[in-house]
């Protein structure tokens, strides 16, 4: 679903107007979901759930003649930075928006100003969490924490050892010596 609306403002993390010289002309908001479809054995397709996609906003801004070089440099610096913005529109406030693109066209008849389409996308930053398992719950004792056992040397898997011995053509006593060297 795409909506076009009047723009109230683009704000930085401290809720200050991010680019005061840029005149906001219009905003197009994309709020979409992806329907997850799966084929059935009889050829039919079913959908069992959907995933809400990050919000996308396109802002058309106009940089006036008296300040477009400085304003454009500020926009470029913001694009290369990592700051997340808040877009305040008539339908709501969209937070954690990252600048994704800032295409523009320059023509001789517009030599005194530049129109730029700022493309922003919602950034969903997730902090992963994990908890170490106690040694009792780990399936193989060799996969437990090595803090108490010191530095461990990697060992090739048994299947690779067998394949390597078979490919080398070593048989009998030579294979046994090589196998012992690998710790098998």
N, C-alpha and C. Protein backbone atom coordinates (compact mmCIF):
# COMPACT_ATOMS: atom_id res chain seq x y z
N UNK A 1 0.85 -1.16 0.00
CA UNK A 1 0.00 0.00 0.00
C UNK A 1 0.90 1.23 0.00
N UNK A 2 0.67 2.14 -0.93
CA UNK A 2 1.47 3.35 -1.02
C UNK A 2 0.58 4.56 -0.81
N UNK A 3 1.03 5.46 0.08
CA UNK A 3 0.29 6.68 0.37
C UNK A 3 1.18 7.86 0.02
N UNK A 4 0.58 8.93 -0.49
CA UNK A 4 1.31 10.17 -0.72
C UNK A 4 0.68 11.23 0.17
N UNK A 5 1.53 11.97 0.89
CA UNK A 5 1.01 12.92 1.87
C UNK A 5 1.92 14.11 2.06
N UNK A 6 1.43 15.12 2.75
CA UNK A 6 2.21 16.30 3.08
C UNK A 6 3.24 15.92 4.14
N UNK A 7 4.44 16.45 4.02
CA UNK A 7 5.52 16.14 4.94
C UNK A 7 5.60 17.19 6.03
N UNK A 8 5.67 16.76 7.25
CA UNK A 8 5.86 17.69 8.37
C UNK A 8 7.33 17.86 8.69
N UNK A 9 8.12 16.78 8.65
CA UNK A 9 9.53 16.97 8.94
C UNK A 9 10.34 15.68 9.04
N UNK A 10 11.64 15.86 8.86
CA UNK A 10 12.61 14.78 8.99
C UNK A 10 13.53 15.19 10.13
N UNK A 11 13.56 14.38 11.20
CA UNK A 11 14.25 14.76 12.43
C UNK A 11 15.39 13.79 12.74
N UNK A 12 16.41 14.31 13.42
CA UNK A 12 17.54 13.47 13.84
C UNK A 12 17.23 12.80 15.18
N UNK A 13 18.23 12.16 15.76
CA UNK A 13 18.04 11.43 17.01
C UNK A 13 17.65 12.29 18.19
N UNK A 14 17.97 13.58 18.16
CA UNK A 14 17.61 14.50 19.25
C UNK A 14 16.32 15.25 18.94
N UNK A 15 15.62 14.84 17.92
CA UNK A 15 14.37 15.43 17.44
C UNK A 15 14.55 16.89 17.01
N UNK A 16 15.71 17.18 16.42
CA UNK A 16 15.96 18.46 15.76
C UNK A 16 15.72 18.28 14.28
N UNK A 17 15.24 19.31 13.60
CA UNK A 17 15.02 19.22 12.16
C UNK A 17 16.34 18.89 11.50
N UNK A 18 16.40 17.78 10.77
CA UNK A 18 17.67 17.27 10.24
C UNK A 18 18.28 18.17 9.17
N UNK A 19 17.51 18.59 8.20
CA UNK A 19 18.03 19.40 7.11
C UNK A 19 17.14 20.63 6.96
N UNK A 20 17.40 21.68 7.73
CA UNK A 20 16.49 22.83 7.78
C UNK A 20 16.34 23.57 6.46
N UNK A 21 17.35 23.56 5.59
CA UNK A 21 17.25 24.27 4.32
C UNK A 21 16.50 23.48 3.24
N UNK A 22 16.35 22.18 3.44
CA UNK A 22 15.65 21.35 2.45
C UNK A 22 14.15 21.53 2.63
N UNK A 23 13.48 21.86 1.53
CA UNK A 23 12.03 22.06 1.56
C UNK A 23 11.37 20.75 1.16
N UNK A 24 10.62 20.16 2.07
CA UNK A 24 9.95 18.89 1.81
C UNK A 24 8.73 19.13 0.92
N UNK A 25 8.66 18.39 -0.18
CA UNK A 25 7.58 18.57 -1.14
C UNK A 25 6.48 17.52 -0.96
N UNK A 26 6.87 16.26 -0.89
CA UNK A 26 5.88 15.20 -0.70
C UNK A 26 6.56 13.95 -0.16
N UNK A 27 5.75 13.05 0.37
CA UNK A 27 6.26 11.78 0.90
C UNK A 27 5.39 10.65 0.37
N UNK A 28 6.04 9.55 0.00
CA UNK A 28 5.33 8.33 -0.40
C UNK A 28 5.75 7.25 0.59
N UNK A 29 4.77 6.67 1.27
CA UNK A 29 5.03 5.67 2.30
C UNK A 29 4.62 4.30 1.77
N UNK A 30 5.50 3.32 1.95
CA UNK A 30 5.20 1.94 1.56
C UNK A 30 5.17 1.07 2.82
N UNK A 31 3.99 0.60 3.15
CA UNK A 31 3.83 -0.36 4.25
C UNK A 31 3.34 -1.64 3.60
N UNK A 32 4.20 -2.66 3.58
CA UNK A 32 3.90 -3.88 2.86
C UNK A 32 4.14 -5.11 3.73
N UNK A 33 3.55 -6.20 3.29
CA UNK A 33 3.76 -7.50 3.93
C UNK A 33 4.01 -8.52 2.83
N UNK A 34 4.73 -9.56 3.17
CA UNK A 34 5.00 -10.64 2.21
C UNK A 34 4.21 -11.86 2.65
N UNK A 35 3.38 -12.35 1.77
CA UNK A 35 2.58 -13.53 2.03
C UNK A 35 3.41 -14.77 1.71
N UNK A 36 3.55 -15.67 2.65
CA UNK A 36 4.36 -16.86 2.46
C UNK A 36 3.50 -17.97 1.86
N UNK A 37 3.79 -18.33 0.62
CA UNK A 37 3.00 -19.32 -0.11
C UNK A 37 3.81 -20.60 -0.29
N UNK A 38 3.09 -21.73 -0.26
CA UNK A 38 3.73 -23.03 -0.40
C UNK A 38 2.91 -23.90 -1.34
N UNK A 39 3.56 -24.67 -2.21
CA UNK A 39 2.80 -25.56 -3.11
C UNK A 39 2.33 -26.82 -2.36
N UNK A 40 1.15 -27.28 -2.75
CA UNK A 40 0.59 -28.53 -2.21
C UNK A 40 0.89 -29.66 -3.18
N UNK A 41 0.69 -30.89 -2.74
CA UNK A 41 0.94 -32.04 -3.60
C UNK A 41 0.00 -32.08 -4.80
N UNK A 42 -1.21 -31.55 -4.64
CA UNK A 42 -2.17 -31.58 -5.75
C UNK A 42 -2.00 -30.39 -6.69
N UNK A 43 -0.96 -29.55 -6.49
CA UNK A 43 -0.70 -28.43 -7.38
C UNK A 43 -1.25 -27.10 -6.88
N UNK A 44 -2.09 -27.14 -5.88
CA UNK A 44 -2.65 -25.91 -5.33
C UNK A 44 -1.58 -25.18 -4.51
N UNK A 45 -1.78 -23.92 -4.28
CA UNK A 45 -0.87 -23.11 -3.47
C UNK A 45 -1.63 -22.61 -2.25
N UNK A 46 -0.99 -22.74 -1.08
CA UNK A 46 -1.60 -22.24 0.14
C UNK A 46 -0.71 -21.16 0.74
N UNK A 47 -1.30 -20.28 1.50
CA UNK A 47 -0.56 -19.27 2.24
C UNK A 47 -0.87 -19.48 3.72
N UNK A 48 0.17 -19.66 4.53
CA UNK A 48 -0.09 -19.96 5.93
C UNK A 48 0.30 -18.83 6.89
N UNK A 49 1.09 -17.87 6.43
CA UNK A 49 1.40 -16.72 7.27
C UNK A 49 1.98 -15.60 6.42
N UNK A 50 2.14 -14.44 7.03
CA UNK A 50 2.74 -13.31 6.32
C UNK A 50 3.76 -12.63 7.21
N UNK A 51 4.69 -11.95 6.57
CA UNK A 51 5.75 -11.25 7.26
C UNK A 51 5.61 -9.76 6.94
N UNK A 52 5.55 -8.93 7.98
CA UNK A 52 5.47 -7.49 7.80
C UNK A 52 6.87 -6.98 7.43
N UNK A 53 6.99 -6.32 6.30
CA UNK A 53 8.27 -5.81 5.83
C UNK A 53 8.56 -4.43 6.43
N UNK A 54 9.83 -4.04 6.47
CA UNK A 54 10.16 -2.71 6.98
C UNK A 54 9.49 -1.61 6.14
N UNK A 55 9.10 -0.54 6.80
CA UNK A 55 8.45 0.59 6.14
C UNK A 55 9.47 1.30 5.26
N UNK A 56 9.04 1.68 4.07
CA UNK A 56 9.88 2.46 3.16
C UNK A 56 9.22 3.80 2.89
N UNK A 57 10.00 4.87 2.89
CA UNK A 57 9.47 6.22 2.65
C UNK A 57 10.36 6.90 1.62
N UNK A 58 9.72 7.51 0.62
CA UNK A 58 10.44 8.35 -0.34
C UNK A 58 10.02 9.79 -0.10
N UNK A 59 10.99 10.63 0.23
CA UNK A 59 10.75 12.05 0.46
C UNK A 59 11.34 12.84 -0.71
N UNK A 60 10.53 13.66 -1.33
CA UNK A 60 11.03 14.56 -2.36
C UNK A 60 11.32 15.89 -1.67
N UNK A 61 12.60 16.28 -1.69
CA UNK A 61 13.00 17.55 -1.08
C UNK A 61 13.58 18.47 -2.14
N UNK A 62 13.43 19.73 -1.92
CA UNK A 62 13.89 20.77 -2.84
C UNK A 62 14.95 21.58 -2.13
N UNK A 63 16.14 21.67 -2.73
CA UNK A 63 17.23 22.46 -2.16
C UNK A 63 17.29 23.79 -2.90
N UNK A 64 16.99 24.91 -2.22
CA UNK A 64 16.96 26.21 -2.89
C UNK A 64 18.35 26.69 -3.31
N UNK A 65 18.37 27.62 -4.25
CA UNK A 65 19.61 28.10 -4.89
C UNK A 65 20.63 28.64 -3.90
N UNK A 66 20.17 29.42 -2.92
CA UNK A 66 21.11 30.09 -2.03
C UNK A 66 21.88 29.13 -1.11
N UNK A 67 21.41 27.90 -0.96
CA UNK A 67 22.09 27.00 -0.02
C UNK A 67 22.22 25.56 -0.52
N UNK A 68 21.98 25.32 -1.81
CA UNK A 68 21.93 23.91 -2.23
C UNK A 68 23.27 23.19 -2.14
N UNK A 69 24.39 23.88 -2.33
CA UNK A 69 25.68 23.19 -2.22
C UNK A 69 25.95 22.73 -0.79
N UNK A 70 25.74 23.61 0.17
CA UNK A 70 25.94 23.24 1.57
C UNK A 70 24.93 22.20 2.01
N UNK A 71 23.68 22.37 1.61
CA UNK A 71 22.63 21.41 1.99
C UNK A 71 22.90 20.05 1.39
N UNK A 72 23.36 20.02 0.13
CA UNK A 72 23.65 18.75 -0.50
C UNK A 72 24.82 18.05 0.20
N UNK A 73 25.82 18.81 0.59
CA UNK A 73 26.95 18.21 1.32
C UNK A 73 26.50 17.65 2.66
N UNK A 74 25.57 18.34 3.34
CA UNK A 74 25.02 17.82 4.60
C UNK A 74 24.25 16.52 4.35
N UNK A 75 23.46 16.49 3.29
CA UNK A 75 22.71 15.28 2.94
C UNK A 75 23.66 14.13 2.62
N UNK A 76 24.70 14.40 1.85
CA UNK A 76 25.67 13.36 1.48
C UNK A 76 26.38 12.82 2.73
N UNK A 77 26.75 13.72 3.63
CA UNK A 77 27.41 13.30 4.87
C UNK A 77 26.46 12.44 5.71
N UNK A 78 25.20 12.82 5.77
CA UNK A 78 24.20 12.03 6.51
C UNK A 78 24.00 10.66 5.85
N UNK A 79 24.00 10.63 4.53
CA UNK A 79 23.84 9.37 3.80
C UNK A 79 24.99 8.41 4.10
N UNK A 80 26.18 8.93 4.21
CA UNK A 80 27.35 8.10 4.49
C UNK A 80 27.49 7.76 5.97
N UNK A 81 26.75 8.48 6.82
CA UNK A 81 26.80 8.22 8.26
C UNK A 81 25.87 7.08 8.65
N UNK A 82 25.74 6.89 9.93
CA UNK A 82 24.94 5.78 10.45
C UNK A 82 23.72 6.22 11.26
N UNK A 83 23.43 7.52 11.23
CA UNK A 83 22.33 8.03 12.06
C UNK A 83 20.98 7.57 11.52
N UNK A 84 20.09 7.28 12.45
CA UNK A 84 18.71 6.93 12.11
C UNK A 84 17.84 8.16 12.32
N UNK A 85 16.84 8.32 11.47
CA UNK A 85 15.99 9.51 11.49
C UNK A 85 14.55 9.16 11.84
N UNK A 86 13.80 10.19 12.18
CA UNK A 86 12.37 10.07 12.44
C UNK A 86 11.66 10.94 11.42
N UNK A 87 10.66 10.36 10.74
CA UNK A 87 9.88 11.10 9.76
C UNK A 87 8.50 11.34 10.37
N UNK A 88 8.12 12.61 10.48
CA UNK A 88 6.84 12.98 11.06
C UNK A 88 5.90 13.36 9.91
N UNK A 89 4.83 12.58 9.73
CA UNK A 89 3.86 12.80 8.66
C UNK A 89 2.47 12.97 9.25
N UNK A 90 1.52 13.28 8.41
CA UNK A 90 0.14 13.46 8.86
C UNK A 90 -0.43 12.17 9.43
N UNK A 91 -0.02 11.02 8.92
CA UNK A 91 -0.57 9.75 9.37
C UNK A 91 0.15 9.15 10.56
N UNK A 92 1.28 9.69 10.91
CA UNK A 92 2.00 9.16 12.06
C UNK A 92 3.48 9.50 12.05
N UNK A 93 4.17 8.95 13.01
CA UNK A 93 5.60 9.16 13.16
C UNK A 93 6.30 7.83 12.87
N UNK A 94 7.26 7.89 11.96
CA UNK A 94 8.01 6.69 11.58
C UNK A 94 9.42 6.84 12.12
N UNK A 95 9.80 5.99 13.06
CA UNK A 95 11.10 6.07 13.72
C UNK A 95 12.08 5.08 13.13
N UNK A 96 13.35 5.25 13.49
CA UNK A 96 14.44 4.36 13.09
C UNK A 96 14.52 4.20 11.56
N UNK A 97 14.47 5.32 10.86
CA UNK A 97 14.54 5.31 9.40
C UNK A 97 15.97 5.63 8.96
N UNK A 98 16.55 4.77 8.12
CA UNK A 98 17.91 4.95 7.62
C UNK A 98 17.85 5.44 6.17
N UNK A 99 18.75 6.36 5.84
CA UNK A 99 18.84 6.84 4.46
C UNK A 99 19.37 5.71 3.59
N UNK A 100 18.61 5.34 2.58
CA UNK A 100 18.98 4.22 1.72
C UNK A 100 19.50 4.69 0.37
N UNK A 101 18.95 5.77 -0.15
CA UNK A 101 19.38 6.30 -1.46
C UNK A 101 19.01 7.77 -1.52
N UNK A 102 19.72 8.50 -2.38
CA UNK A 102 19.42 9.92 -2.57
C UNK A 102 19.67 10.32 -4.02
N UNK A 103 18.95 9.71 -4.95
CA UNK A 103 19.15 10.06 -6.37
C UNK A 103 18.60 11.45 -6.69
N UNK A 104 19.21 12.08 -7.68
CA UNK A 104 18.72 13.37 -8.16
C UNK A 104 19.14 13.57 -9.61
N UNK A 105 18.47 14.47 -10.27
CA UNK A 105 18.81 14.83 -11.64
C UNK A 105 19.19 16.30 -11.69
N UNK A 106 20.15 16.60 -12.54
CA UNK A 106 20.56 17.98 -12.71
C UNK A 106 20.40 18.34 -14.19
N UNK A 107 19.65 19.41 -14.46
CA UNK A 107 19.45 19.89 -15.83
C UNK A 107 19.77 21.37 -15.89
N UNK A 108 20.13 21.87 -17.07
CA UNK A 108 20.47 23.30 -17.20
C UNK A 108 19.34 24.23 -16.78
N UNK A 109 18.10 23.85 -17.02
CA UNK A 109 16.99 24.74 -16.65
C UNK A 109 16.74 24.78 -15.14
N UNK A 110 17.36 23.85 -14.38
CA UNK A 110 17.24 23.86 -12.92
C UNK A 110 18.60 24.17 -12.30
N UNK A 111 19.35 25.07 -12.88
CA UNK A 111 20.71 25.33 -12.41
C UNK A 111 20.74 26.04 -11.06
N UNK A 112 19.61 26.63 -10.67
CA UNK A 112 19.61 27.35 -9.40
C UNK A 112 19.08 26.54 -8.22
N UNK A 113 18.63 25.32 -8.46
CA UNK A 113 18.10 24.50 -7.36
C UNK A 113 18.16 23.02 -7.75
N UNK A 114 18.01 22.17 -6.76
CA UNK A 114 18.05 20.71 -6.99
C UNK A 114 16.90 20.06 -6.26
N UNK A 115 16.23 19.13 -6.94
CA UNK A 115 15.21 18.30 -6.30
C UNK A 115 15.82 16.92 -6.08
N UNK A 116 15.72 16.41 -4.87
CA UNK A 116 16.30 15.12 -4.50
C UNK A 116 15.21 14.24 -3.91
N UNK A 117 15.22 12.98 -4.30
CA UNK A 117 14.30 12.01 -3.71
C UNK A 117 15.08 11.20 -2.67
N UNK A 118 14.80 11.45 -1.41
CA UNK A 118 15.45 10.70 -0.33
C UNK A 118 14.67 9.42 -0.09
N UNK A 119 15.35 8.32 -0.16
CA UNK A 119 14.72 7.02 0.10
C UNK A 119 15.16 6.55 1.48
N UNK A 120 14.19 6.35 2.37
CA UNK A 120 14.48 5.89 3.73
C UNK A 120 13.82 4.53 3.96
N UNK A 121 14.45 3.72 4.76
CA UNK A 121 13.90 2.40 5.08
C UNK A 121 14.03 2.18 6.58
N UNK A 122 13.00 1.57 7.15
CA UNK A 122 13.00 1.29 8.58
C UNK A 122 14.12 0.31 8.91
N UNK A 123 14.92 0.65 9.91
CA UNK A 123 16.02 -0.21 10.34
C UNK A 123 15.58 -0.94 11.61
N UNK A 124 15.46 -2.23 11.51
CA UNK A 124 15.11 -3.05 12.68
C UNK A 124 16.38 -3.69 13.19
N UNK A 125 16.94 -3.09 14.22
CA UNK A 125 18.20 -3.58 14.77
C UNK A 125 17.88 -4.52 15.92
N UNK A 126 18.38 -5.72 15.80
CA UNK A 126 18.08 -6.76 16.78
C UNK A 126 19.37 -7.13 17.51
N UNK A 127 19.31 -7.16 18.80
CA UNK A 127 20.45 -7.59 19.61
C UNK A 127 20.27 -9.07 19.92
N UNK A 128 21.23 -9.86 19.49
CA UNK A 128 21.14 -11.29 19.73
C UNK A 128 21.46 -11.58 21.19
N UNK A 129 20.81 -12.59 21.71
CA UNK A 129 21.05 -13.00 23.08
C UNK A 129 21.36 -14.49 23.09
N UNK A 130 22.26 -14.88 23.92
CA UNK A 130 22.57 -16.29 24.06
C UNK A 130 22.93 -16.57 25.50
N UNK A 131 22.83 -17.81 25.84
CA UNK A 131 23.20 -18.22 27.18
C UNK A 131 23.97 -19.52 27.04
N UNK A 132 25.12 -19.58 27.67
CA UNK A 132 25.95 -20.78 27.61
C UNK A 132 25.23 -21.93 28.32
N UNK A 133 25.28 -23.10 27.69
CA UNK A 133 24.68 -24.29 28.30
C UNK A 133 25.62 -24.86 29.36
N UNK A 134 25.07 -25.39 30.42
CA UNK A 134 25.94 -26.07 31.40
C UNK A 134 26.48 -27.35 30.76
N UNK A 135 27.68 -27.80 31.16
CA UNK A 135 28.29 -28.99 30.54
C UNK A 135 27.38 -30.21 30.54
N UNK A 136 26.48 -30.33 31.50
CA UNK A 136 25.60 -31.50 31.58
C UNK A 136 24.65 -31.55 30.38
N UNK A 137 24.24 -30.39 29.86
CA UNK A 137 23.26 -30.34 28.78
C UNK A 137 23.88 -30.40 27.38
N UNK A 138 25.22 -30.37 27.28
CA UNK A 138 25.89 -30.44 25.99
C UNK A 138 25.99 -31.89 25.58
N UNK A 139 25.64 -32.19 24.32
CA UNK A 139 25.57 -33.57 23.85
C UNK A 139 26.93 -34.28 23.93
N UNK A 140 27.98 -33.66 23.43
CA UNK A 140 29.30 -34.28 23.42
C UNK A 140 30.23 -33.52 24.38
N UNK A 141 30.91 -34.23 25.28
CA UNK A 141 31.80 -33.57 26.24
C UNK A 141 32.90 -32.71 25.58
N UNK A 142 33.32 -33.08 24.38
CA UNK A 142 34.37 -32.31 23.71
C UNK A 142 33.86 -30.93 23.25
N UNK A 143 32.53 -30.74 23.21
CA UNK A 143 31.96 -29.45 22.79
C UNK A 143 31.71 -28.51 23.96
N UNK A 144 32.07 -28.91 25.15
CA UNK A 144 31.88 -28.03 26.31
C UNK A 144 32.95 -26.95 26.34
N UNK A 145 32.84 -26.06 27.27
CA UNK A 145 33.76 -24.93 27.41
C UNK A 145 35.19 -25.43 27.58
N UNK A 146 36.14 -24.76 26.94
CA UNK A 146 37.55 -25.18 27.03
C UNK A 146 38.34 -24.34 28.03
N UNK A 147 37.68 -23.52 28.82
CA UNK A 147 38.38 -22.66 29.77
C UNK A 147 39.20 -23.50 30.75
N UNK A 148 38.61 -24.57 31.25
CA UNK A 148 39.30 -25.42 32.23
C UNK A 148 40.33 -26.34 31.58
N UNK A 149 40.19 -26.60 30.26
CA UNK A 149 41.06 -27.58 29.59
C UNK A 149 42.19 -26.94 28.80
N UNK A 150 42.23 -25.62 28.72
CA UNK A 150 43.30 -24.94 27.98
C UNK A 150 43.05 -24.93 26.48
N UNK A 151 44.07 -24.54 25.73
CA UNK A 151 43.96 -24.44 24.27
C UNK A 151 43.81 -25.82 23.65
N UNK A 152 42.89 -25.95 22.72
CA UNK A 152 42.62 -27.23 22.08
C UNK A 152 43.06 -27.18 20.62
N UNK A 153 43.64 -28.26 20.14
CA UNK A 153 44.04 -28.37 18.74
C UNK A 153 42.89 -28.99 17.94
N UNK A 154 42.58 -28.45 16.76
CA UNK A 154 41.50 -29.02 15.96
C UNK A 154 41.88 -30.40 15.45
N UNK A 155 40.89 -31.26 15.37
CA UNK A 155 41.09 -32.62 14.89
C UNK A 155 40.24 -32.82 13.63
N UNK A 156 40.79 -33.42 12.59
CA UNK A 156 39.95 -33.69 11.42
C UNK A 156 38.90 -34.73 11.75
N UNK A 157 37.70 -34.62 11.20
CA UNK A 157 36.65 -35.61 11.45
C UNK A 157 37.08 -36.99 10.99
N UNK A 158 36.55 -38.03 11.64
CA UNK A 158 36.92 -39.42 11.34
C UNK A 158 36.63 -39.76 9.89
N UNK A 159 35.56 -39.27 9.33
CA UNK A 159 35.20 -39.59 7.95
C UNK A 159 36.27 -39.05 6.99
N UNK A 160 36.80 -37.88 7.25
CA UNK A 160 37.83 -37.30 6.39
C UNK A 160 39.12 -38.11 6.51
N UNK A 161 39.43 -38.58 7.72
CA UNK A 161 40.62 -39.41 7.92
C UNK A 161 40.52 -40.67 7.07
N UNK A 162 39.37 -41.32 7.10
CA UNK A 162 39.17 -42.57 6.35
C UNK A 162 39.28 -42.31 4.85
N UNK A 163 38.66 -41.27 4.37
CA UNK A 163 38.72 -40.94 2.94
C UNK A 163 40.15 -40.64 2.53
N UNK A 164 40.88 -39.88 3.37
CA UNK A 164 42.26 -39.54 3.06
C UNK A 164 43.13 -40.78 2.99
N UNK A 165 42.93 -41.72 3.91
CA UNK A 165 43.71 -42.97 3.89
C UNK A 165 43.38 -43.78 2.64
N UNK A 166 42.10 -43.86 2.30
CA UNK A 166 41.70 -44.63 1.12
C UNK A 166 42.23 -43.99 -0.16
N UNK A 167 42.23 -42.66 -0.25
CA UNK A 167 42.69 -41.98 -1.46
C UNK A 167 44.20 -42.04 -1.59
N UNK A 168 44.90 -42.13 -0.47
CA UNK A 168 46.35 -42.14 -0.52
C UNK A 168 46.89 -43.48 -1.00
N UNK A 169 46.07 -44.51 -0.94
CA UNK A 169 46.51 -45.82 -1.38
C UNK A 169 47.40 -46.52 -0.37
N UNK A 170 47.54 -45.98 0.80
CA UNK A 170 48.37 -46.57 1.85
C UNK A 170 47.58 -47.69 2.50
N UNK A 171 48.19 -48.83 2.58
CA UNK A 171 47.52 -49.98 3.17
C UNK A 171 48.42 -50.59 4.23
N UNK A 172 47.82 -51.41 5.04
CA UNK A 172 48.57 -52.17 6.02
C UNK A 172 49.21 -51.31 7.09
N UNK A 173 50.52 -51.60 7.37
CA UNK A 173 51.26 -50.94 8.43
C UNK A 173 51.36 -49.43 8.21
N UNK A 174 51.53 -48.98 6.97
CA UNK A 174 51.65 -47.55 6.67
C UNK A 174 50.37 -46.81 7.03
N UNK A 175 49.22 -47.42 6.74
CA UNK A 175 47.94 -46.78 7.06
C UNK A 175 47.77 -46.71 8.57
N UNK A 176 48.21 -47.76 9.27
CA UNK A 176 48.08 -47.76 10.72
C UNK A 176 48.94 -46.67 11.34
N UNK A 177 50.19 -46.49 10.83
CA UNK A 177 51.08 -45.45 11.35
C UNK A 177 50.47 -44.06 11.10
N UNK A 178 49.95 -43.86 9.88
CA UNK A 178 49.35 -42.57 9.54
C UNK A 178 48.10 -42.32 10.38
N UNK A 179 47.30 -43.35 10.60
CA UNK A 179 46.10 -43.24 11.41
C UNK A 179 46.47 -42.89 12.86
N UNK A 180 47.52 -43.51 13.37
CA UNK A 180 47.97 -43.20 14.74
C UNK A 180 48.48 -41.77 14.84
N UNK A 181 49.12 -41.28 13.77
CA UNK A 181 49.62 -39.90 13.77
C UNK A 181 48.45 -38.92 13.85
N UNK A 182 47.31 -39.28 13.28
CA UNK A 182 46.12 -38.43 13.32
C UNK A 182 45.36 -38.59 14.63
N UNK A 183 45.75 -39.53 15.42
CA UNK A 183 45.08 -39.73 16.71
C UNK A 183 43.89 -40.66 16.62
N UNK A 184 43.82 -41.51 15.62
CA UNK A 184 42.69 -42.44 15.48
C UNK A 184 43.04 -43.77 16.07
